[in-house]
N, C-alpha and C. Protein backbone atom coordinates (compact mmCIF):
# COMPACT_ATOMS: atom_id res chain seq x y z
N MET A 1 20.92 -28.23 -121.43
CA MET A 1 19.48 -29.05 -120.73
C MET A 1 18.35 -29.17 -121.23
N LYS A 2 18.49 -28.36 -122.57
CA LYS A 2 17.10 -28.50 -123.33
C LYS A 2 17.22 -29.63 -123.99
N LYS A 3 18.61 -30.35 -124.51
CA LYS A 3 18.63 -31.57 -124.70
C LYS A 3 18.23 -32.56 -123.90
N ILE A 4 18.74 -32.45 -122.77
CA ILE A 4 18.19 -33.64 -121.83
C ILE A 4 16.67 -33.45 -121.44
N ILE A 5 16.07 -32.40 -121.64
CA ILE A 5 14.65 -32.36 -121.15
C ILE A 5 13.93 -32.89 -122.33
N MET A 6 14.61 -32.58 -123.75
CA MET A 6 13.59 -33.36 -124.82
C MET A 6 14.13 -35.19 -124.53
N MET A 7 15.36 -35.45 -124.34
CA MET A 7 15.04 -36.79 -123.89
C MET A 7 14.36 -37.47 -123.15
N LEU A 8 14.16 -36.71 -122.13
CA LEU A 8 13.30 -37.02 -120.89
C LEU A 8 11.96 -37.16 -121.33
N THR A 9 11.50 -36.41 -122.03
CA THR A 9 10.41 -36.17 -122.71
C THR A 9 10.19 -37.62 -123.68
N ALA A 10 11.12 -37.53 -124.62
CA ALA A 10 10.83 -38.79 -125.49
C ALA A 10 10.79 -40.20 -124.72
N LEU A 11 11.78 -40.42 -123.79
CA LEU A 11 11.72 -41.20 -122.86
C LEU A 11 10.41 -41.23 -122.26
N LEU A 12 9.70 -40.69 -121.75
CA LEU A 12 8.47 -40.67 -121.02
C LEU A 12 7.30 -40.70 -122.14
N THR A 13 7.32 -40.43 -122.86
CA THR A 13 6.38 -41.03 -124.00
C THR A 13 6.22 -42.20 -124.62
N VAL A 14 7.52 -42.63 -124.67
CA VAL A 14 7.59 -43.85 -124.67
C VAL A 14 7.49 -45.24 -124.21
N SER A 15 7.90 -45.04 -122.66
CA SER A 15 7.09 -45.66 -121.54
C SER A 15 5.41 -45.34 -121.78
N LEU A 16 5.17 -44.40 -121.35
CA LEU A 16 3.84 -44.21 -121.51
C LEU A 16 2.88 -44.79 -122.21
N SER A 17 3.21 -45.27 -123.83
CA SER A 17 2.93 -45.78 -124.90
C SER A 17 2.82 -47.39 -124.29
N ALA A 18 4.44 -47.65 -123.96
CA ALA A 18 4.68 -49.17 -123.75
C ALA A 18 3.27 -49.63 -122.41
N CYS A 19 3.05 -48.63 -121.41
CA CYS A 19 2.29 -49.08 -120.81
C CYS A 19 0.65 -48.76 -121.12
N SER A 20 0.70 -48.34 -121.69
CA SER A 20 -0.84 -48.20 -122.54
C SER A 20 -1.17 -49.69 -123.59
N GLN A 21 -0.20 -49.84 -123.91
CA GLN A 21 -0.25 -51.30 -124.98
C GLN A 21 -0.44 -52.36 -123.94
N SER A 22 0.41 -52.38 -123.12
CA SER A 22 0.41 -53.53 -121.80
C SER A 22 -1.12 -53.67 -121.22
N SER A 23 -1.50 -52.70 -120.90
CA SER A 23 -2.99 -52.59 -120.18
C SER A 23 -3.78 -52.59 -121.05
N LYS A 24 -3.77 -52.52 -122.34
CA LYS A 24 -4.66 -52.87 -123.18
C LYS A 24 -4.97 -54.41 -123.57
N LYS A 25 -3.75 -54.84 -123.47
CA LYS A 25 -3.68 -56.50 -123.22
C LYS A 25 -4.06 -56.96 -122.08
N GLU A 26 -4.08 -56.19 -121.01
CA GLU A 26 -4.44 -56.78 -119.77
C GLU A 26 -5.70 -56.61 -119.41
N ASN A 27 -6.45 -55.48 -120.17
CA ASN A 27 -7.97 -55.64 -119.72
C ASN A 27 -8.62 -56.06 -120.80
N LYS A 28 -8.10 -56.86 -121.97
CA LYS A 28 -8.72 -57.30 -122.98
C LYS A 28 -10.35 -58.25 -121.96
N GLU A 29 -11.45 -57.81 -122.50
CA GLU A 29 -12.45 -58.65 -121.77
C GLU A 29 -12.32 -59.99 -122.18
N MET A 30 -12.25 -61.07 -121.40
CA MET A 30 -12.77 -62.55 -121.74
C MET A 30 -14.09 -62.72 -122.48
N LYS A 31 -13.70 -63.26 -123.57
CA LYS A 31 -15.59 -63.65 -124.21
C LYS A 31 -15.85 -65.17 -124.02
N THR A 32 -16.81 -64.82 -123.29
CA THR A 32 -17.27 -66.50 -122.54
C THR A 32 -18.60 -66.94 -123.56
N LEU A 33 -18.62 -68.45 -123.89
CA LEU A 33 -19.34 -69.17 -124.69
C LEU A 33 -20.40 -70.35 -123.55
N VAL A 34 -21.27 -70.23 -123.64
CA VAL A 34 -22.17 -71.10 -122.85
C VAL A 34 -22.54 -72.42 -124.20
N ALA A 35 -22.03 -73.34 -124.51
CA ALA A 35 -22.28 -74.37 -125.06
C ALA A 35 -23.22 -75.32 -124.39
N TYR A 36 -24.59 -75.74 -124.92
CA TYR A 36 -25.32 -76.93 -124.04
C TYR A 36 -25.70 -77.95 -125.32
N PHE A 37 -26.32 -79.36 -124.48
CA PHE A 37 -26.89 -79.95 -125.13
C PHE A 37 -28.07 -80.15 -124.24
N SER A 38 -29.22 -80.18 -124.61
CA SER A 38 -30.89 -80.75 -123.57
C SER A 38 -31.58 -81.24 -124.18
N ALA A 39 -31.84 -82.57 -123.93
CA ALA A 39 -33.02 -83.08 -124.65
C ALA A 39 -34.39 -83.09 -124.07
N SER A 40 -34.02 -82.77 -122.90
CA SER A 40 -35.68 -82.17 -122.39
C SER A 40 -35.96 -80.99 -122.14
N GLY A 41 -35.03 -79.80 -122.26
CA GLY A 41 -35.36 -78.78 -121.87
C GLY A 41 -34.85 -78.45 -120.61
N THR A 42 -34.54 -79.31 -119.49
CA THR A 42 -33.85 -78.67 -118.42
C THR A 42 -32.20 -78.52 -118.49
N THR A 43 -31.58 -79.30 -118.85
CA THR A 43 -30.19 -78.28 -119.19
C THR A 43 -30.37 -77.07 -120.08
N LYS A 44 -31.06 -76.85 -120.91
CA LYS A 44 -31.49 -75.38 -121.63
C LYS A 44 -31.71 -74.33 -121.13
N GLU A 45 -33.02 -74.47 -119.57
CA GLU A 45 -32.83 -73.34 -118.60
C GLU A 45 -31.57 -73.00 -117.88
N VAL A 46 -31.08 -73.96 -117.54
CA VAL A 46 -29.44 -73.98 -116.67
C VAL A 46 -29.00 -72.71 -117.71
N ALA A 47 -28.76 -73.47 -118.90
CA ALA A 47 -27.63 -72.91 -119.62
C ALA A 47 -28.12 -71.44 -119.92
N GLN A 48 -29.39 -71.38 -119.97
CA GLN A 48 -29.77 -69.90 -120.56
C GLN A 48 -29.53 -68.76 -119.26
N GLN A 49 -29.50 -69.64 -118.02
CA GLN A 49 -29.82 -68.64 -117.10
C GLN A 49 -28.18 -68.35 -116.81
N LEU A 50 -27.65 -69.43 -116.88
CA LEU A 50 -25.76 -69.51 -116.92
C LEU A 50 -25.38 -68.58 -118.00
N ALA A 51 -25.75 -68.14 -119.40
CA ALA A 51 -25.11 -67.32 -119.68
C ALA A 51 -25.45 -65.94 -119.64
N GLU A 52 -26.50 -65.63 -118.96
CA GLU A 52 -27.46 -64.32 -118.42
C GLU A 52 -26.23 -64.14 -117.12
N VAL A 53 -25.85 -64.61 -116.48
CA VAL A 53 -25.24 -64.58 -115.24
C VAL A 53 -24.05 -64.02 -115.63
N ALA A 54 -23.45 -65.04 -116.71
CA ALA A 54 -21.65 -65.17 -117.10
C ALA A 54 -22.05 -64.10 -117.92
N GLY A 55 -22.80 -63.47 -118.63
CA GLY A 55 -22.54 -62.40 -119.79
C GLY A 55 -21.79 -62.88 -121.03
N ALA A 56 -22.73 -64.01 -121.21
CA ALA A 56 -21.82 -65.12 -122.01
C ALA A 56 -22.87 -64.96 -123.36
N ASP A 57 -22.34 -65.69 -124.74
CA ASP A 57 -22.88 -65.87 -125.87
C ASP A 57 -23.48 -67.17 -125.64
N LEU A 58 -24.65 -67.76 -126.01
CA LEU A 58 -25.49 -68.92 -125.68
C LEU A 58 -25.42 -69.84 -127.26
N HIS A 59 -24.95 -70.93 -127.37
CA HIS A 59 -24.99 -72.01 -128.51
C HIS A 59 -25.57 -73.33 -128.00
N GLU A 60 -26.58 -73.82 -128.89
CA GLU A 60 -27.21 -74.76 -128.22
C GLU A 60 -26.51 -75.93 -129.19
N ILE A 61 -25.86 -77.23 -128.79
CA ILE A 61 -25.39 -78.44 -129.26
C ILE A 61 -26.92 -79.22 -129.68
N LYS A 62 -27.47 -79.26 -131.07
CA LYS A 62 -28.03 -79.49 -131.53
C LYS A 62 -27.86 -80.75 -132.37
N PRO A 63 -28.48 -82.38 -131.94
CA PRO A 63 -28.63 -83.24 -133.15
C PRO A 63 -29.24 -82.76 -134.14
N GLU A 64 -28.49 -83.45 -135.25
CA GLU A 64 -28.84 -83.65 -136.72
C GLU A 64 -30.04 -84.29 -136.64
N GLN A 65 -30.23 -85.24 -136.07
CA GLN A 65 -31.62 -86.46 -135.88
C GLN A 65 -32.13 -85.88 -134.34
N PRO A 66 -33.18 -84.94 -134.40
CA PRO A 66 -33.58 -84.61 -132.95
C PRO A 66 -33.90 -86.32 -132.10
N TYR A 67 -34.07 -86.07 -130.71
CA TYR A 67 -34.16 -87.36 -129.86
C TYR A 67 -35.53 -87.24 -129.62
N THR A 68 -36.33 -88.47 -129.77
CA THR A 68 -37.70 -88.40 -129.73
C THR A 68 -38.06 -88.94 -128.12
N ASP A 69 -38.59 -88.99 -127.32
CA ASP A 69 -39.17 -89.74 -126.37
C ASP A 69 -38.55 -90.93 -126.40
N ALA A 70 -39.16 -91.78 -127.15
CA ALA A 70 -38.62 -92.92 -127.27
C ALA A 70 -37.18 -93.41 -127.44
N ASP A 71 -36.43 -92.27 -128.14
CA ASP A 71 -35.07 -92.66 -127.85
C ASP A 71 -34.48 -92.18 -126.82
N LEU A 72 -34.91 -91.49 -125.83
CA LEU A 72 -34.56 -91.43 -124.44
C LEU A 72 -35.09 -91.88 -123.65
N ASP A 73 -35.36 -93.22 -123.89
CA ASP A 73 -35.66 -94.19 -122.91
C ASP A 73 -34.60 -95.10 -122.57
N TRP A 74 -34.02 -94.81 -121.01
CA TRP A 74 -33.00 -95.55 -120.64
C TRP A 74 -33.38 -96.82 -120.41
N ARG A 75 -34.49 -97.31 -120.07
CA ARG A 75 -34.96 -98.82 -119.88
C ARG A 75 -34.88 -99.70 -120.88
N ASN A 76 -34.97 -99.03 -122.36
CA ASN A 76 -35.34 -99.96 -123.25
C ASN A 76 -33.45 -99.86 -123.68
N LYS A 77 -33.04 -100.79 -123.92
CA LYS A 77 -31.62 -101.19 -123.95
C LYS A 77 -31.43 -101.09 -125.69
N GLN A 78 -32.57 -100.80 -126.54
CA GLN A 78 -32.33 -100.68 -127.61
C GLN A 78 -32.82 -99.39 -128.32
N SER A 79 -33.09 -98.34 -127.14
CA SER A 79 -33.43 -97.18 -127.17
C SER A 79 -32.18 -96.32 -128.16
N ARG A 80 -32.11 -95.63 -128.78
CA ARG A 80 -31.39 -94.77 -129.65
C ARG A 80 -29.92 -94.49 -128.36
N SER A 81 -30.34 -93.61 -127.51
CA SER A 81 -29.64 -93.03 -126.20
C SER A 81 -28.82 -94.51 -125.64
N SER A 82 -29.31 -95.30 -125.55
CA SER A 82 -28.82 -96.75 -124.21
C SER A 82 -27.59 -97.12 -125.66
N VAL A 83 -28.17 -97.55 -126.87
CA VAL A 83 -27.08 -97.61 -127.88
C VAL A 83 -26.05 -96.62 -128.19
N GLU A 84 -26.22 -95.44 -128.52
CA GLU A 84 -25.49 -94.47 -128.26
C GLU A 84 -24.44 -94.50 -126.95
N MET A 85 -24.82 -94.56 -126.05
CA MET A 85 -23.74 -94.87 -124.99
C MET A 85 -23.56 -96.05 -124.27
N GLN A 86 -23.70 -96.89 -125.22
CA GLN A 86 -22.89 -98.07 -125.03
C GLN A 86 -21.76 -98.31 -125.93
N ASP A 87 -21.65 -97.38 -126.78
CA ASP A 87 -20.61 -97.58 -127.76
C ASP A 87 -20.13 -96.30 -127.54
N LYS A 88 -18.70 -96.46 -127.08
CA LYS A 88 -17.94 -95.05 -126.54
C LYS A 88 -17.28 -94.39 -128.14
N ASN A 89 -17.38 -94.72 -129.36
CA ASN A 89 -17.08 -94.58 -130.60
C ASN A 89 -18.20 -93.84 -130.72
N SER A 90 -19.40 -93.56 -130.71
CA SER A 90 -20.47 -92.96 -131.08
C SER A 90 -20.48 -91.48 -130.92
N ARG A 91 -20.76 -91.20 -132.17
CA ARG A 91 -20.50 -89.05 -132.79
C ARG A 91 -21.78 -88.70 -133.00
N PRO A 92 -22.81 -88.84 -132.42
CA PRO A 92 -23.97 -88.62 -133.27
C PRO A 92 -23.59 -86.82 -134.08
N ALA A 93 -24.18 -86.83 -135.26
CA ALA A 93 -24.14 -85.61 -135.59
C ALA A 93 -24.75 -84.51 -134.99
N ILE A 94 -24.14 -83.43 -135.71
CA ILE A 94 -24.81 -81.85 -134.89
C ILE A 94 -25.08 -80.91 -135.80
N THR A 95 -25.71 -80.02 -135.40
CA THR A 95 -26.31 -79.19 -137.06
C THR A 95 -25.54 -77.96 -136.27
N ALA A 96 -25.88 -76.72 -137.24
CA ALA A 96 -25.67 -75.35 -136.57
C ALA A 96 -23.94 -75.22 -136.00
N LYS A 97 -23.24 -75.52 -136.61
CA LYS A 97 -21.59 -75.39 -136.15
C LYS A 97 -21.53 -73.65 -135.95
N LEU A 98 -20.67 -73.65 -135.01
CA LEU A 98 -20.26 -72.07 -134.60
C LEU A 98 -19.29 -72.01 -135.83
N GLN A 99 -19.21 -70.25 -136.28
CA GLN A 99 -17.90 -70.36 -137.15
C GLN A 99 -17.30 -69.42 -136.41
N ASN A 100 -17.10 -69.06 -135.43
CA ASN A 100 -16.42 -68.16 -134.25
C ASN A 100 -16.01 -68.85 -133.20
N MET A 101 -15.62 -70.26 -133.10
CA MET A 101 -15.26 -70.69 -131.49
C MET A 101 -14.01 -70.09 -131.16
N GLN A 102 -13.05 -69.45 -132.51
CA GLN A 102 -11.55 -68.66 -132.33
C GLN A 102 -11.98 -67.65 -131.25
N ASP A 103 -12.94 -67.06 -131.33
CA ASP A 103 -12.99 -65.77 -130.29
C ASP A 103 -13.12 -66.10 -128.92
N TYR A 104 -13.75 -67.01 -128.46
CA TYR A 104 -14.04 -67.37 -127.16
C TYR A 104 -12.95 -68.04 -126.33
N ASP A 105 -12.85 -67.25 -124.90
CA ASP A 105 -11.66 -67.77 -124.06
C ASP A 105 -12.04 -68.80 -123.37
N VAL A 106 -13.08 -68.80 -122.49
CA VAL A 106 -14.09 -69.52 -121.61
C VAL A 106 -15.24 -70.28 -122.22
N VAL A 107 -15.31 -71.74 -122.37
CA VAL A 107 -16.36 -72.37 -123.05
C VAL A 107 -16.83 -73.30 -121.83
N TYR A 108 -18.29 -73.24 -121.35
CA TYR A 108 -18.93 -73.60 -120.58
C TYR A 108 -19.62 -74.71 -121.41
N VAL A 109 -19.38 -76.21 -121.25
CA VAL A 109 -20.27 -77.16 -122.01
C VAL A 109 -21.42 -77.76 -121.08
N GLY A 110 -22.42 -77.90 -121.42
CA GLY A 110 -23.45 -78.49 -120.59
C GLY A 110 -24.09 -79.41 -121.25
N PHE A 111 -24.33 -80.40 -120.30
CA PHE A 111 -25.23 -81.74 -120.97
C PHE A 111 -25.99 -82.37 -119.55
N PRO A 112 -27.13 -83.47 -120.00
CA PRO A 112 -27.77 -84.13 -118.78
C PRO A 112 -26.72 -85.31 -118.53
N ILE A 113 -26.89 -85.65 -117.76
CA ILE A 113 -26.00 -87.07 -117.18
C ILE A 113 -27.04 -87.74 -117.84
N TRP A 114 -26.05 -88.79 -118.52
CA TRP A 114 -26.17 -90.03 -119.42
C TRP A 114 -25.58 -91.20 -118.73
N TRP A 115 -26.18 -92.55 -118.23
CA TRP A 115 -25.26 -93.34 -117.85
C TRP A 115 -24.32 -92.74 -117.26
N TYR A 116 -24.56 -91.92 -116.13
CA TYR A 116 -23.22 -91.46 -115.01
C TYR A 116 -21.82 -90.61 -116.25
N THR A 117 -22.60 -90.05 -117.06
CA THR A 117 -21.46 -89.37 -117.72
C THR A 117 -22.21 -88.49 -118.70
N CYS A 118 -21.38 -88.03 -119.70
CA CYS A 118 -22.07 -86.86 -120.48
C CYS A 118 -22.39 -87.70 -122.07
N PRO A 119 -23.51 -87.23 -122.81
CA PRO A 119 -23.89 -87.90 -123.67
C PRO A 119 -22.98 -88.11 -125.02
N THR A 120 -22.81 -88.71 -125.94
CA THR A 120 -21.55 -88.93 -126.53
C THR A 120 -21.56 -87.74 -127.66
N ILE A 121 -23.10 -87.02 -127.71
CA ILE A 121 -22.96 -85.84 -128.84
C ILE A 121 -21.89 -85.04 -128.27
N ILE A 122 -21.45 -84.76 -127.23
CA ILE A 122 -20.45 -83.87 -126.36
C ILE A 122 -19.34 -84.47 -126.93
N ASN A 123 -19.29 -85.34 -127.11
CA ASN A 123 -17.64 -85.60 -127.67
C ASN A 123 -17.99 -85.22 -129.16
N THR A 124 -19.03 -85.17 -129.95
CA THR A 124 -18.92 -84.58 -131.32
C THR A 124 -18.88 -83.16 -131.56
N PHE A 125 -19.35 -82.58 -130.27
CA PHE A 125 -18.98 -81.35 -130.13
C PHE A 125 -17.17 -81.00 -129.71
N MET A 126 -17.13 -81.65 -128.92
CA MET A 126 -15.53 -81.38 -128.54
C MET A 126 -14.42 -81.52 -129.77
N GLU A 127 -14.81 -82.80 -130.45
CA GLU A 127 -14.05 -82.67 -131.51
C GLU A 127 -14.29 -82.02 -132.71
N ALA A 128 -15.20 -81.15 -132.53
CA ALA A 128 -15.85 -80.09 -133.73
C ALA A 128 -14.60 -79.17 -133.90
N TYR A 129 -14.17 -78.50 -132.72
CA TYR A 129 -13.63 -77.23 -132.71
C TYR A 129 -12.04 -77.98 -132.03
N ASP A 130 -11.30 -76.52 -131.88
CA ASP A 130 -9.94 -76.32 -131.53
C ASP A 130 -10.05 -75.58 -130.07
N PHE A 131 -9.88 -76.04 -129.27
CA PHE A 131 -9.98 -75.96 -127.68
C PHE A 131 -8.60 -75.51 -127.13
N SER A 132 -7.53 -75.28 -128.08
CA SER A 132 -6.27 -74.73 -127.70
C SER A 132 -6.63 -73.51 -127.08
N GLY A 133 -5.96 -73.17 -125.92
CA GLY A 133 -6.13 -71.67 -125.03
C GLY A 133 -7.02 -71.61 -124.69
N LYS A 134 -8.17 -72.50 -124.45
CA LYS A 134 -9.38 -71.88 -123.91
C LYS A 134 -9.49 -72.60 -122.40
N THR A 135 -10.42 -72.32 -121.80
CA THR A 135 -10.69 -72.42 -120.42
C THR A 135 -12.14 -73.40 -120.97
N VAL A 136 -11.95 -74.36 -120.34
CA VAL A 136 -13.39 -75.53 -120.42
C VAL A 136 -13.69 -75.85 -118.90
N ILE A 137 -15.22 -75.68 -119.02
CA ILE A 137 -15.86 -76.14 -117.90
C ILE A 137 -17.28 -76.58 -117.94
N PRO A 138 -17.33 -77.74 -117.50
CA PRO A 138 -18.08 -78.38 -117.76
C PRO A 138 -19.52 -78.45 -116.87
N PHE A 139 -20.67 -78.65 -117.35
CA PHE A 139 -21.72 -78.05 -116.37
C PHE A 139 -22.98 -79.09 -116.35
N ALA A 140 -24.08 -79.93 -115.69
CA ALA A 140 -24.62 -80.63 -116.10
C ALA A 140 -25.74 -80.63 -115.43
N THR A 141 -26.65 -81.47 -115.40
CA THR A 141 -28.29 -81.76 -114.99
C THR A 141 -28.32 -82.95 -114.90
N SER A 142 -28.94 -83.86 -113.84
CA SER A 142 -29.19 -84.93 -113.45
C SER A 142 -30.15 -85.09 -112.69
N GLY A 143 -30.97 -86.37 -112.76
CA GLY A 143 -32.22 -87.06 -111.92
C GLY A 143 -31.92 -87.16 -110.40
N GLY A 144 -30.57 -87.59 -110.38
CA GLY A 144 -29.83 -88.27 -109.24
C GLY A 144 -28.55 -88.54 -109.63
N SER A 145 -27.63 -88.58 -110.56
CA SER A 145 -26.20 -88.65 -110.96
C SER A 145 -25.39 -87.83 -109.94
N SER A 146 -24.13 -87.97 -109.95
CA SER A 146 -22.93 -86.96 -109.80
C SER A 146 -22.50 -86.58 -111.37
N ILE A 147 -21.70 -85.64 -111.19
CA ILE A 147 -21.28 -85.06 -112.41
C ILE A 147 -19.63 -85.59 -112.51
N LYS A 148 -19.08 -86.11 -111.37
CA LYS A 148 -17.79 -86.37 -111.34
C LYS A 148 -17.40 -87.45 -112.40
N LYS A 149 -17.81 -88.83 -112.74
CA LYS A 149 -17.82 -89.34 -113.51
C LYS A 149 -17.61 -88.70 -115.03
N ALA A 150 -18.10 -87.81 -115.08
CA ALA A 150 -18.69 -87.24 -116.60
C ALA A 150 -17.38 -86.01 -116.76
N CYS A 151 -16.92 -85.26 -115.68
CA CYS A 151 -15.81 -84.66 -115.57
C CYS A 151 -14.49 -85.54 -115.90
N ALA A 152 -14.27 -86.22 -115.24
CA ALA A 152 -13.01 -87.36 -115.53
C ALA A 152 -13.21 -88.32 -116.87
N ASP A 153 -14.22 -87.96 -117.31
CA ASP A 153 -14.24 -88.95 -118.77
C ASP A 153 -13.86 -88.18 -119.64
N LEU A 154 -14.48 -86.65 -119.50
CA LEU A 154 -14.06 -85.61 -120.39
C LEU A 154 -12.65 -85.10 -120.39
N LYS A 155 -12.00 -85.30 -118.97
CA LYS A 155 -10.46 -85.07 -118.95
C LYS A 155 -9.58 -86.23 -119.27
N ALA A 156 -10.05 -87.42 -119.50
CA ALA A 156 -9.28 -88.33 -119.85
C ALA A 156 -9.43 -88.16 -121.49
N ALA A 157 -10.50 -88.07 -121.79
CA ALA A 157 -10.50 -87.93 -123.81
C ALA A 157 -9.94 -87.25 -124.01
N TYR A 158 -9.78 -85.81 -123.70
CA TYR A 158 -8.87 -84.42 -123.88
C TYR A 158 -8.13 -84.11 -122.83
N PRO A 159 -7.38 -84.69 -122.88
CA PRO A 159 -6.31 -84.31 -121.23
C PRO A 159 -5.59 -83.14 -122.03
N ASN A 160 -5.46 -82.33 -123.13
CA ASN A 160 -4.39 -81.12 -123.28
C ASN A 160 -5.31 -80.08 -122.89
N LEU A 161 -6.48 -80.31 -122.92
CA LEU A 161 -7.36 -78.96 -122.70
C LEU A 161 -6.97 -78.49 -121.11
N ASN A 162 -7.40 -77.27 -121.22
CA ASN A 162 -7.36 -76.21 -119.78
C ASN A 162 -9.08 -76.48 -119.14
N TRP A 163 -9.20 -77.52 -118.28
CA TRP A 163 -10.24 -78.02 -117.61
C TRP A 163 -10.36 -77.36 -116.23
N LYS A 164 -11.37 -76.81 -116.03
CA LYS A 164 -11.99 -76.17 -114.68
C LYS A 164 -12.97 -77.24 -114.15
N GLU A 165 -13.37 -76.92 -112.84
CA GLU A 165 -13.60 -78.03 -112.23
C GLU A 165 -15.23 -77.75 -112.63
N GLY A 166 -16.21 -78.87 -112.71
CA GLY A 166 -16.98 -78.76 -113.30
C GLY A 166 -18.51 -78.93 -112.07
N LYS A 167 -19.92 -78.47 -112.76
CA LYS A 167 -20.26 -78.52 -111.36
C LYS A 167 -21.93 -79.04 -111.61
N LEU A 168 -22.59 -79.85 -110.67
CA LEU A 168 -23.90 -80.22 -111.65
C LEU A 168 -24.59 -79.10 -111.06
N LEU A 169 -25.71 -78.56 -111.84
CA LEU A 169 -26.68 -77.10 -111.69
C LEU A 169 -27.99 -77.64 -111.80
N ASN A 170 -28.57 -78.51 -110.95
CA ASN A 170 -29.82 -78.52 -110.65
C ASN A 170 -30.57 -77.82 -110.05
N HIS A 171 -31.62 -77.21 -110.20
CA HIS A 171 -32.40 -75.78 -109.24
C HIS A 171 -31.17 -74.98 -109.30
N ALA A 172 -30.27 -74.51 -109.70
CA ALA A 172 -29.37 -73.63 -109.44
C ALA A 172 -30.56 -72.31 -109.49
N SER A 173 -29.91 -71.36 -108.59
CA SER A 173 -30.59 -70.05 -108.60
C SER A 173 -29.61 -69.40 -109.21
N LYS A 174 -30.05 -67.94 -109.68
CA LYS A 174 -29.29 -66.66 -110.23
C LYS A 174 -27.87 -66.57 -109.32
N ASN A 175 -28.46 -66.44 -108.26
CA ASN A 175 -27.18 -66.00 -106.98
C ASN A 175 -26.31 -67.00 -106.81
N ASN A 176 -26.47 -68.40 -107.15
CA ASN A 176 -25.96 -69.48 -106.88
C ASN A 176 -25.02 -69.53 -108.33
N LEU A 177 -25.68 -69.50 -109.52
CA LEU A 177 -24.97 -69.27 -110.48
C LEU A 177 -23.90 -67.97 -110.46
N LYS A 178 -24.17 -66.81 -110.11
CA LYS A 178 -23.50 -65.78 -110.21
C LYS A 178 -21.87 -66.05 -109.30
N LYS A 179 -22.69 -66.84 -108.28
CA LYS A 179 -21.01 -67.01 -106.87
C LYS A 179 -20.12 -68.30 -107.47
N TRP A 180 -20.96 -68.92 -108.38
CA TRP A 180 -19.83 -70.15 -109.14
C TRP A 180 -19.12 -69.47 -110.37
N VAL A 181 -19.81 -68.61 -111.00
CA VAL A 181 -19.07 -67.72 -112.36
C VAL A 181 -18.04 -66.94 -111.60
N GLU A 182 -18.39 -66.28 -110.43
CA GLU A 182 -17.44 -65.44 -109.95
C GLU A 182 -16.17 -65.99 -109.15
N GLY A 183 -16.28 -67.54 -108.91
CA GLY A 183 -15.45 -67.97 -108.19
C GLY A 183 -15.67 -68.03 -106.76
N LYS A 184 -16.71 -67.45 -106.51
CA LYS A 184 -16.68 -67.57 -104.67
C LYS A 184 -17.54 -68.68 -104.24
């Protein structure tokens, strides 16, 4: 009888230990990053609110050479942004590379819509890191364009990534951001 009780106790101990290990893995909190490029400050404001609502870290995608107002003049075909957007291979250099991208499970990538898609600096960011095993969620701000083409372009350029549906976040309230983050 003693032997049976000892065996049952040992079995119970092993079972509880296995459940505890499994539970620890399942309860691991997903670490989230909100990375954004903002030329005028509009996307930055949304990114800050999104990071707050999502409990995420915040990272600005900074161009090595900051954009001036003249660079952003979309009506001038010779402006820096116009030239970059005409060249699909353009990859503007970025500064402040993240040293811990491997720590993140979910990455929101934000940008203003330029010429109906994301600025080429977003490609620089996407190509600077390994996004394997991560969920990537685009968001954007725009003066009048949809995010649909930007999302399609990103999925086409990086088809092996786990993309979730992107969202245009013009004038988004914290309540709306929270609903989006929670999937409601």
